[in-house]
Each structure stands twice: as C-alpha cells, then as structure tokens.
Amino acid sequence: MFAFLTDAEKKRLIASWSDKYIEDKSNDSKTMHMLISLLESPATEPDWKLACNNMKLIAISLATKKVFIKENYNVMVDSLIEQILNMLCS
C-alpha cells in the first residue's frame, strides 16, 4: 500500500498509528497466521515473528524511502521479501 501513497499521506498514516496497535503481538500473530494459512506450502514451524518484523521493516522503509541509497533500494526490498518467503515456506 505504501508504494501508492504520497510522502504526505505516508507521514499522516504512520502518525495515526498508535503505539499500542503497532506493538500489539496479538494483532501481529493474527495477521501472520492468516497469511501463513494462505500459503501453498507453509514451513512446519515458520518464524512468524521474524517474518512480521521484516514486513514492518519493509513498510517503514517504504515510508522513509528518501533515506536509503536509491540505486539499490529495490534490491534491498526484494531481498527482504525473499527472506520472508524463506522463513514462512518449506
């Protein structure tokens, strides 16, 4: 979703997130387990917490894209996505 927002919209969205929501392991668990249930070949014991943190890292990096080196930004995001898939899939 972040890829389609303007910088101002990203800042407004991030500012509206309460710390309680962002730090709520129950929300994280529900979301990650729902995503894992959609996978064709989920890992036996997927590291959903690490995958969730990597997904949050991607979201934050999309919201603060300007601080990263432009030339390899997409490679960085692709690498994080690949790591997530390796954590969740067998």
Protein backbone atom coordinates (compact mmCIF):
# COMPACT_ATOMS: atom_id res chain seq x y z
CA MET A 1 0.00 0.00 0.00
CA PHE A 2 2.83 2.41 0.86
CA ALA A 3 4.13 2.33 -2.70
CA PHE A 4 0.99 4.13 -3.90
CA LEU A 5 0.85 6.86 -1.26
CA THR A 6 2.39 10.31 -1.44
CA ASP A 7 5.03 11.24 1.16
CA ALA A 8 2.47 13.39 2.99
CA GLU A 9 -0.04 10.53 3.07
CA LYS A 10 2.61 8.13 4.41
CA LYS A 11 3.56 10.52 7.19
CA ARG A 12 -0.08 11.06 8.13
CA LEU A 13 -0.78 7.30 8.18
CA ILE A 14 2.26 6.48 10.29
CA ALA A 15 1.48 9.32 12.69
CA SER A 16 -2.05 7.96 13.16
CA TRP A 17 -0.86 4.50 14.26
CA SER A 18 -0.98 4.21 17.99
CA ASP A 19 1.98 2.59 19.72
CA LYS A 20 -0.46 0.13 21.28
CA TYR A 21 -1.59 -1.09 17.83
CA ILE A 22 1.90 -1.32 16.37
CA GLU A 23 3.26 -3.15 19.39
CA ASP A 24 0.27 -5.49 19.79
CA LYS A 25 1.61 -9.05 19.40
CA SER A 26 -1.97 -10.31 19.19
CA ASN A 27 -2.57 -8.28 16.01
CA ASP A 28 0.77 -9.43 14.63
CA SER A 29 0.04 -13.06 15.40
CA LYS A 30 -3.45 -12.99 13.90
CA THR A 31 -2.26 -11.29 10.72
CA MET A 32 0.79 -13.50 10.23
CA HIS A 33 -1.07 -16.74 10.92
CA MET A 34 -3.80 -15.71 8.48
CA LEU A 35 -1.12 -15.03 5.83
CA ILE A 36 0.62 -18.33 6.59
CA SER A 37 -2.71 -20.16 6.20
CA LEU A 38 -2.90 -18.85 2.64
CA LEU A 39 0.47 -20.33 1.65
CA GLU A 40 0.51 -23.42 -0.51
CA SER A 41 3.50 -24.96 1.31
CA PRO A 42 4.00 -23.32 4.69
CA ALA A 43 7.02 -24.30 6.75
CA THR A 44 6.42 -26.75 9.60
CA GLU A 45 7.42 -24.13 12.17
CA PRO A 46 7.54 -20.77 10.38
CA ASP A 47 9.29 -17.96 12.24
CA TRP A 48 6.28 -15.68 12.02
CA LYS A 49 7.74 -13.14 14.45
CA LEU A 50 10.87 -12.56 12.38
CA ALA A 51 8.81 -12.52 9.17
CA CYS A 52 6.48 -9.96 10.76
CA ASN A 53 9.41 -7.75 11.78
CA ASN A 54 10.78 -7.93 8.24
CA MET A 55 7.37 -6.95 6.86
CA LYS A 56 7.27 -3.99 9.24
CA LEU A 57 10.79 -3.08 8.15
CA ILE A 58 9.62 -3.03 4.53
CA ALA A 59 6.65 -0.82 5.45
CA ILE A 60 8.88 1.60 7.34
CA SER A 61 11.42 1.67 4.52
CA LEU A 62 8.66 2.47 2.01
CA ALA A 63 7.50 5.31 4.26
CA THR A 64 11.05 6.68 4.59
CA LYS A 65 12.38 5.76 1.15
CA LYS A 66 14.34 9.01 0.84
CA VAL A 67 16.89 7.95 3.48
CA PHE A 68 18.04 4.90 1.52
CA ILE A 69 20.54 4.73 -1.34
CA LYS A 70 18.35 4.95 -4.42
CA GLU A 71 20.41 2.71 -6.72
CA ASN A 72 19.87 -0.49 -4.74
CA TYR A 73 16.68 0.27 -2.83
CA ASN A 74 14.55 -2.17 -4.86
CA VAL A 75 17.17 -4.89 -4.46
CA MET A 76 17.03 -4.35 -0.68
CA VAL A 77 13.23 -4.69 -0.58
CA ASP A 78 13.34 -7.73 -2.86
CA SER A 79 15.91 -9.30 -0.53
CA LEU A 80 13.68 -8.73 2.49
CA ILE A 81 10.72 -10.27 0.66
CA GLU A 82 12.82 -13.29 -0.28
CA GLN A 83 13.90 -13.68 3.36
CA ILE A 84 10.26 -13.56 4.47
CA LEU A 85 9.32 -16.25 1.97
CA ASN A 86 12.21 -18.43 3.14
CA MET A 87 11.04 -18.08 6.75
CA LEU A 88 7.44 -18.96 6.01
CA CYS A 89 7.63 -21.54 3.23
CA SER A 90 9.04 -25.04 3.23
